[in-house]
Amino acid sequence: MLEVSPQLILTSMWETLYMVSISLVFGTLIGIPLGVLLVVTRKGHILENRLIFSVLNPIVNIFRSIPFIILLVAIIPFTRFIVGTSIGTTAAIVPLVLHIGPYMSRLVENSLLEVDDGIIEAAKAMGASPAQIIFRFLFPEAFPSLLLSITTVTIGLIGATAMAGAIGGGGLGDLAITYGYQRFSTITIVVTVVILVILVQGIQSLGNLLERKMRRV
């Protein structure tokens, strides 16, 4: 017999989706511009700037090297300053954004670097400005790869929200820890794992489908 109510499970699912969606939006607003800057300011690219690149590159590396569970605890004062509390689903969004933004920037960087140099050279030969090269050549060419990057980021966020449950972040992770682990309810943990697997499989399948369709266009 299930030891938690269906309503509690639905509430936990909603909290997880809330954290993932909001964090994905803000993480994208940070990650995509960062990724673009890491590409266009590197040596030999359209807006080569060693100062900007040498500053951004280590900053991204530093944030990426910090395990999420440590970042979650380390920035509690900052989280409390931003949202007024360090506990709950809204509070968990702050470290989630700081965690996923740099991660996404690296994926965006990799996607843009996959674009053939010949396309950039052709754009330059046509007199395209740096902004036109970025938005009319780089992004359209890299779009299928960017879709997969966003898919990967979304799945990573789901895993991170589960860890956020360790400090009362809410969501399915909190459900598994509070009602599963602490109350020795194996069935609650199994149900939580099954839901997470379904979510991840669904998002990955959707991402793969969209990527295949974009490559055929």
Protein backbone atom coordinates (compact mmCIF):
# COMPACT_ATOMS: atom_id res chain seq x y z
CA MET A 1 0.00 0.00 0.00
CA LEU A 2 1.30 3.45 -0.94
CA GLU A 3 2.27 5.36 2.19
CA VAL A 4 1.91 8.81 0.65
CA SER A 5 -1.23 10.23 -0.92
CA PRO A 6 -1.57 10.78 -4.68
CA GLN A 7 -2.14 14.47 -3.90
CA LEU A 8 1.26 14.68 -2.20
CA ILE A 9 2.89 13.01 -5.19
CA LEU A 10 1.20 15.42 -7.59
CA THR A 11 2.26 18.38 -5.45
CA SER A 12 5.86 17.13 -5.45
CA MET A 13 5.77 16.69 -9.22
CA TRP A 14 4.45 20.22 -9.64
CA GLU A 15 7.21 21.60 -7.39
CA THR A 16 9.84 19.76 -9.43
CA LEU A 17 8.44 21.05 -12.73
CA TYR A 18 8.22 24.56 -11.26
CA MET A 19 11.88 24.53 -10.19
CA VAL A 20 13.03 23.04 -13.50
CA SER A 21 11.07 25.43 -15.72
CA ILE A 22 11.97 28.65 -13.90
CA SER A 23 15.61 27.62 -13.50
CA LEU A 24 15.78 26.65 -17.17
CA VAL A 25 14.48 30.06 -18.25
CA PHE A 26 16.94 32.04 -16.14
CA GLY A 27 19.76 29.57 -16.77
CA THR A 28 19.19 29.99 -20.51
CA LEU A 29 19.27 33.77 -20.20
CA ILE A 30 22.68 33.43 -18.56
CA GLY A 31 24.07 30.42 -20.39
CA ILE A 32 23.42 31.35 -24.02
CA PRO A 33 25.02 34.84 -23.90
CA LEU A 34 27.95 33.41 -21.92
CA GLY A 35 28.39 30.61 -24.43
CA VAL A 36 28.30 33.06 -27.35
CA LEU A 37 30.90 35.29 -25.68
CA LEU A 38 33.15 32.32 -25.01
CA VAL A 39 33.06 31.52 -28.72
CA VAL A 40 33.27 34.91 -30.43
CA THR A 41 35.95 36.36 -28.10
CA ARG A 42 38.33 33.42 -28.38
CA LYS A 43 41.51 33.73 -30.44
CA GLY A 44 40.88 34.01 -34.16
CA HIS A 45 37.11 34.47 -33.92
CA ILE A 46 34.93 37.35 -35.08
CA LEU A 47 35.20 39.44 -31.88
CA GLU A 48 38.55 38.25 -30.55
CA ASN A 49 39.14 39.73 -27.11
CA ARG A 50 41.69 38.03 -24.91
CA LEU A 51 40.71 40.03 -21.81
CA ILE A 52 37.03 39.07 -21.90
CA PHE A 53 37.79 35.45 -22.76
CA SER A 54 40.48 35.11 -20.09
CA VAL A 55 38.05 36.45 -17.46
CA LEU A 56 34.93 34.52 -18.46
CA ASN A 57 36.62 31.19 -19.11
CA PRO A 58 37.96 30.63 -15.56
CA ILE A 59 34.76 31.98 -13.97
CA VAL A 60 32.71 29.40 -15.86
CA ASN A 61 35.21 26.70 -14.94
CA ILE A 62 35.04 27.62 -11.26
CA PHE A 63 31.23 27.38 -11.09
CA ARG A 64 31.24 24.15 -13.09
CA SER A 65 33.78 22.57 -10.76
CA ILE A 66 31.63 23.07 -7.65
CA PRO A 67 29.33 20.09 -6.96
CA PHE A 68 25.72 21.24 -6.79
CA ILE A 69 25.11 19.99 -3.26
CA ILE A 70 28.07 22.08 -2.04
CA LEU A 71 26.96 25.13 -4.02
CA LEU A 72 23.50 24.70 -2.56
CA VAL A 73 24.84 25.09 0.97
CA ALA A 74 27.64 27.56 0.22
CA ILE A 75 25.36 30.29 -1.14
CA ILE A 76 22.63 30.04 1.51
CA PRO A 77 23.26 33.67 2.65
CA PHE A 78 23.02 34.87 -0.96
CA THR A 79 19.85 32.82 -1.51
CA ARG A 80 18.31 34.28 1.64
CA PHE A 81 19.24 37.79 0.44
CA ILE A 82 17.61 37.24 -2.97
CA VAL A 83 14.35 35.50 -2.02
CA GLY A 84 14.16 36.08 1.75
CA THR A 85 14.53 32.41 2.70
CA SER A 86 16.90 29.50 2.15
CA ILE A 87 14.26 26.74 2.32
CA GLY A 88 11.60 25.77 -0.19
CA THR A 89 11.14 25.46 -3.93
CA THR A 90 11.61 29.16 -4.71
CA ALA A 91 14.81 29.30 -2.68
CA ALA A 92 16.16 26.26 -4.54
CA ILE A 93 15.87 28.13 -7.84
CA VAL A 94 18.76 30.48 -6.96
CA PRO A 95 21.48 27.80 -6.70
CA LEU A 96 19.90 25.89 -9.58
CA VAL A 97 20.34 28.92 -11.86
CA LEU A 98 23.93 29.49 -10.74
CA HIS A 99 24.64 25.82 -11.28
CA ILE A 100 23.01 25.37 -14.67
CA GLY A 101 23.94 28.73 -16.28
CA PRO A 102 27.69 27.99 -16.59
CA TYR A 103 26.94 24.38 -17.53
CA MET A 104 24.70 25.53 -20.36
CA SER A 105 27.30 28.06 -21.51
CA ARG A 106 29.77 25.23 -22.13
CA LEU A 107 27.21 23.23 -24.07
CA VAL A 108 26.31 26.29 -26.15
CA GLU A 109 30.01 26.94 -26.72
CA ASN A 110 30.51 23.38 -27.97
CA SER A 111 27.47 23.60 -30.26
CA LEU A 112 28.61 26.87 -31.84
CA LEU A 113 32.17 25.61 -32.28
CA GLU A 114 30.79 22.73 -34.35
CA VAL A 115 29.74 25.20 -37.07
CA ASP A 116 32.04 24.93 -40.08
CA ASP A 117 34.58 27.74 -40.28
CA GLY A 118 33.78 28.01 -43.98
CA ILE A 119 30.31 29.30 -43.17
CA ILE A 120 31.75 32.08 -41.03
CA GLU A 121 34.28 32.97 -43.73
CA ALA A 122 31.49 33.07 -46.33
CA ALA A 123 29.47 35.37 -44.07
CA LYS A 124 32.43 37.69 -43.67
CA ALA A 125 32.95 37.71 -47.45
CA MET A 126 29.34 38.83 -47.90
CA GLY A 127 29.99 41.75 -45.56
CA ALA A 128 27.93 40.44 -42.64
CA SER A 129 28.41 42.22 -39.33
CA PRO A 130 29.38 40.26 -36.18
CA ALA A 131 25.75 40.39 -34.98
CA GLN A 132 24.51 39.10 -38.33
CA ILE A 133 27.08 36.30 -38.29
CA ILE A 134 25.92 35.25 -34.82
CA PHE A 135 22.16 35.40 -35.39
CA ARG A 136 21.89 34.56 -39.10
CA PHE A 137 24.67 32.02 -39.48
CA LEU A 138 25.97 30.58 -36.20
CA PHE A 139 22.63 30.08 -34.44
CA PRO A 140 20.72 28.64 -37.42
CA GLU A 141 23.54 26.20 -38.22
CA ALA A 142 23.94 25.15 -34.58
CA PHE A 143 20.23 25.06 -33.73
CA PRO A 144 19.75 21.25 -33.83
CA SER A 145 22.78 20.80 -31.58
CA LEU A 146 21.51 23.57 -29.29
CA LEU A 147 18.21 21.69 -28.92
CA LEU A 148 20.09 18.66 -27.64
CA SER A 149 22.10 20.90 -25.32
CA ILE A 150 18.90 22.32 -23.82
CA THR A 151 17.58 18.77 -23.46
CA THR A 152 20.72 17.77 -21.58
CA VAL A 153 20.46 20.84 -19.34
CA THR A 154 16.80 20.11 -18.56
CA ILE A 155 17.62 16.55 -17.54
CA GLY A 156 20.51 17.82 -15.43
CA LEU A 157 18.12 20.21 -13.71
CA ILE A 158 15.78 17.36 -12.81
CA GLY A 159 18.67 15.58 -11.10
CA ALA A 160 19.71 18.78 -9.33
CA THR A 161 16.19 19.41 -8.01
CA ALA A 162 16.28 15.93 -6.47
CA MET A 163 19.46 16.93 -4.61
CA ALA A 164 17.80 20.18 -3.54
CA GLY A 165 15.36 18.04 -1.59
CA ALA A 166 18.20 17.23 0.80
CA ILE A 167 17.89 20.69 2.37
CA GLY A 168 14.12 21.06 2.11
CA GLY A 169 13.96 22.28 -1.47
CA GLY A 170 10.69 20.47 -2.09
CA GLY A 171 9.83 18.40 -5.14
CA LEU A 172 10.29 14.70 -5.78
CA GLY A 173 13.70 14.66 -4.11
CA ASP A 174 12.25 15.98 -0.89
CA LEU A 175 9.44 13.42 -1.14
CA ALA A 176 11.92 10.56 -1.52
CA ILE A 177 14.08 11.74 1.38
CA THR A 178 11.33 12.74 3.82
CA TYR A 179 8.82 9.95 3.20
CA GLY A 180 11.07 7.34 1.65
CA TYR A 181 14.49 7.37 3.26
CA GLN A 182 13.71 8.88 6.67
CA ARG A 183 10.54 6.82 7.15
CA PHE A 184 11.99 3.66 5.57
CA SER A 185 9.29 3.55 2.89
CA THR A 186 10.76 1.57 0.01
CA ILE A 187 7.63 1.91 -2.12
CA THR A 188 7.78 5.72 -1.88
CA ILE A 189 11.36 5.70 -3.17
CA VAL A 190 10.41 3.29 -5.97
CA VAL A 191 7.47 5.47 -7.03
CA THR A 192 9.68 8.57 -6.99
CA VAL A 193 12.36 6.87 -9.09
CA VAL A 194 9.78 5.65 -11.61
CA ILE A 195 8.33 9.16 -12.00
CA LEU A 196 11.83 10.65 -12.47
CA VAL A 197 12.72 8.01 -15.05
CA ILE A 198 9.50 8.73 -16.98
CA LEU A 199 10.20 12.48 -16.90
CA VAL A 200 13.77 12.06 -18.11
CA GLN A 201 12.83 9.59 -20.84
CA GLY A 202 10.01 11.84 -22.03
CA ILE A 203 12.20 14.94 -22.19
CA GLN A 204 15.05 13.09 -23.92
CA SER A 205 12.70 11.57 -26.49
CA LEU A 206 11.13 14.96 -27.20
CA GLY A 207 14.56 16.57 -27.57
CA ASN A 208 15.74 13.84 -29.94
CA LEU A 209 12.57 14.14 -32.02
CA LEU A 210 12.86 17.93 -32.37
CA GLU A 211 16.58 17.65 -33.21
CA ARG A 212 15.90 15.12 -35.99
CA LYS A 213 13.14 17.29 -37.45
CA MET A 214 15.37 20.39 -37.44
CA ARG A 215 18.18 18.55 -39.25
CA ARG A 216 15.76 17.56 -42.01
CA VAL A 217 14.62 21.14 -42.58
